[in-house]
Each structure stands twice: as structure tokens, then as C-alpha cells.
């Protein structure tokens, strides 16, 4: 059994409906039997306010990130829901 564990994955709303994932990455994910992914940004609604923190304000809406996770056939992912 091949298990793939990956981290720091984020696709922000500005990239909605764009194919950002390289074919080599898609192939790597497809060759695994079980895929685990850590999201780099919290999942929020599209019209949520900025998150109070230092550094860049990364966030992804459920609609955008769930589509990408589905395409990569992610079995389990870790995230913060705000």
C-alpha cells in the first residue's frame, strides 16, 4: 500500500476554475492508495473578513478548495474552519 502525506497545500479564491496542479503532481497523487493532506490556510466563506494574524492573509473558501481536493482524490485532510 502506498500512502502519500503532503502539507502546505492552498488554492485561494483568485485561482477558482484554473488548473493549477501540474500533471506530474496529479500522477503522484493518483499512484497512491491513500492520500493525506494538510491545508496551509483556513477554510472560510467567500465573503469573510481578514483573519487577525501576522504575515500574509491566506484563506480558501470551501467551494474552491473542495473541488481541488476532489480532483486529487484526497482521503483525509487537516484544516481550520473559520
C-alpha atoms as a PDB file:
ATOM      1  CA  UNK A   1       0.000   0.000   0.000  1.00  0.00           C
ATOM      2  CA  UNK A   2       1.305   3.461  -0.952  1.00  0.00           C
ATOM      3  CA  UNK A   3       0.434   6.324   1.413  1.00  0.00           C
ATOM      4  CA  UNK A   4       1.126   9.913   0.358  1.00  0.00           C
ATOM      5  CA  UNK A   5       1.354  12.627   3.038  1.00  0.00           C
ATOM      6  CA  UNK A   6       1.646  16.232   1.917  1.00  0.00           C
ATOM      7  CA  UNK A   7       1.441  19.647   3.515  1.00  0.00           C
ATOM      8  CA  UNK A   8       1.168  23.366   2.934  1.00  0.00           C
ATOM      9  CA  UNK A   9      -1.486  22.997   0.215  1.00  0.00           C
ATOM     10  CA  UNK A  10      -3.513  26.102  -0.602  1.00  0.00           C
ATOM     11  CA  UNK A  11      -5.599  27.329  -3.523  1.00  0.00           C
ATOM     12  CA  UNK A  12      -7.081  30.757  -2.866  1.00  0.00           C
ATOM     13  CA  UNK A  13     -10.305  32.048  -4.395  1.00  0.00           C
ATOM     14  CA  UNK A  14      -8.497  34.134  -7.006  1.00  0.00           C
ATOM     15  CA  UNK A  15      -7.478  30.860  -8.693  1.00  0.00           C
ATOM     16  CA  UNK A  16     -11.006  29.407  -8.868  1.00  0.00           C
ATOM     17  CA  UNK A  17     -11.670  27.433 -12.074  1.00  0.00           C
ATOM     18  CA  UNK A  18      -7.979  27.398 -13.042  1.00  0.00           C
ATOM     19  CA  UNK A  19      -5.993  24.204 -13.492  1.00  0.00           C
ATOM     20  CA  UNK A  20      -3.020  24.925 -11.215  1.00  0.00           C
ATOM     21  CA  UNK A  21      -1.848  21.430 -10.421  1.00  0.00           C
ATOM     22  CA  UNK A  22       0.912  20.098 -12.645  1.00  0.00           C
ATOM     23  CA  UNK A  23       0.372  16.725 -14.340  1.00  0.00           C
ATOM     24  CA  UNK A  24       3.373  15.251 -12.515  1.00  0.00           C
ATOM     25  CA  UNK A  25       1.745  16.114  -9.168  1.00  0.00           C
ATOM     26  CA  UNK A  26      -1.593  14.670 -10.288  1.00  0.00           C
ATOM     27  CA  UNK A  27       0.216  11.487 -11.342  1.00  0.00           C
ATOM     28  CA  UNK A  28       1.988  11.238  -7.977  1.00  0.00           C
ATOM     29  CA  UNK A  29      -1.316  11.526  -6.138  1.00  0.00           C
ATOM     30  CA  UNK A  30      -3.067   9.062  -8.451  1.00  0.00           C
ATOM     31  CA  UNK A  31      -0.358   6.429  -7.901  1.00  0.00           C
ATOM     32  CA  UNK A  32      -1.035   6.428  -4.140  1.00  0.00           C
ATOM     33  CA  UNK A  33      -3.589   4.220  -2.429  1.00  0.00           C
ATOM     34  CA  UNK A  34      -4.298   6.673   0.385  1.00  0.00           C
ATOM     35  CA  UNK A  35      -3.704  10.439   0.325  1.00  0.00           C
ATOM     36  CA  UNK A  36      -3.378  12.725   3.391  1.00  0.00           C
ATOM     37  CA  UNK A  37      -3.080  16.491   3.006  1.00  0.00           C
ATOM     38  CA  UNK A  38      -2.571  19.418   5.390  1.00  0.00           C
ATOM     39  CA  UNK A  39      -4.117  22.694   4.225  1.00  0.00           C
ATOM     40  CA  UNK A  40      -1.934  25.791   4.653  1.00  0.00           C
ATOM     41  CA  UNK A  41      -4.865  28.189   5.055  1.00  0.00           C
ATOM     42  CA  UNK A  42      -8.138  28.119   6.973  1.00  0.00           C
ATOM     43  CA  UNK A  43     -11.346  27.328   5.117  1.00  0.00           C
ATOM     44  CA  UNK A  44     -13.784  30.271   5.275  1.00  0.00           C
ATOM     45  CA  UNK A  45     -16.776  31.617   3.433  1.00  0.00           C
ATOM     46  CA  UNK A  46     -16.016  33.615   0.298  1.00  0.00           C
ATOM     47  CA  UNK A  47     -17.076  36.907   1.882  1.00  0.00           C
ATOM     48  CA  UNK A  48     -15.376  36.528   5.277  1.00  0.00           C
ATOM     49  CA  UNK A  49     -13.238  39.284   6.776  1.00  0.00           C
ATOM     50  CA  UNK A  50      -9.487  39.058   7.094  1.00  0.00           C
ATOM     51  CA  UNK A  51      -8.125  36.837   9.835  1.00  0.00           C
ATOM     52  CA  UNK A  52      -6.237  38.625  12.621  1.00  0.00           C
ATOM     53  CA  UNK A  53      -2.650  37.360  12.442  1.00  0.00           C
ATOM     54  CA  UNK A  54       0.828  38.352  11.345  1.00  0.00           C
ATOM     55  CA  UNK A  55       2.084  37.559   7.864  1.00  0.00           C
ATOM     56  CA  UNK A  56       0.038  37.146   4.697  1.00  0.00           C
ATOM     57  CA  UNK A  57      -3.703  36.640   4.991  1.00  0.00           C
ATOM     58  CA  UNK A  58      -4.234  33.320   3.269  1.00  0.00           C
ATOM     59  CA  UNK A  59      -7.673  31.718   3.213  1.00  0.00           C
ATOM     60  CA  UNK A  60      -9.589  29.480   0.887  1.00  0.00           C
ATOM     61  CA  UNK A  61     -13.317  29.070   0.501  1.00  0.00           C
ATOM     62  CA  UNK A  62     -14.865  25.646   0.811  1.00  0.00           C
ATOM     63  CA  UNK A  63     -16.185  25.759  -2.762  1.00  0.00           C
ATOM     64  CA  UNK A  64     -12.730  26.281  -4.264  1.00  0.00           C
ATOM     65  CA  UNK A  65     -10.632  24.013  -2.056  1.00  0.00           C
ATOM     66  CA  UNK A  66     -13.093  21.105  -2.014  1.00  0.00           C
ATOM     67  CA  UNK A  67     -13.032  20.981  -5.815  1.00  0.00           C
ATOM     68  CA  UNK A  68      -9.222  20.721  -5.811  1.00  0.00           C
ATOM     69  CA  UNK A  69      -9.248  18.070  -3.062  1.00  0.00           C
ATOM     70  CA  UNK A  70     -11.783  16.067  -5.034  1.00  0.00           C
ATOM     71  CA  UNK A  71      -9.667  16.175  -8.193  1.00  0.00           C
ATOM     72  CA  UNK A  72      -6.660  14.841  -6.265  1.00  0.00           C
ATOM     73  CA  UNK A  73      -8.847  12.189  -4.569  1.00  0.00           C
ATOM     74  CA  UNK A  74      -7.705  13.205  -1.098  1.00  0.00           C
ATOM     75  CA  UNK A  75      -8.857  10.694   1.525  1.00  0.00           C
ATOM     76  CA  UNK A  76      -8.108  12.767   4.615  1.00  0.00           C
ATOM     77  CA  UNK A  77      -7.219  16.427   5.103  1.00  0.00           C
ATOM     78  CA  UNK A  78      -6.480  18.630   8.095  1.00  0.00           C
ATOM     79  CA  UNK A  79      -7.789  22.179   8.206  1.00  0.00           C
ATOM     80  CA  UNK A  80      -9.054  25.015  10.361  1.00  0.00           C
ATOM     81  CA  UNK A  81     -12.651  26.070   9.702  1.00  0.00           C
ATOM     82  CA  UNK A  82     -13.434  29.716  10.462  1.00  0.00           C
END
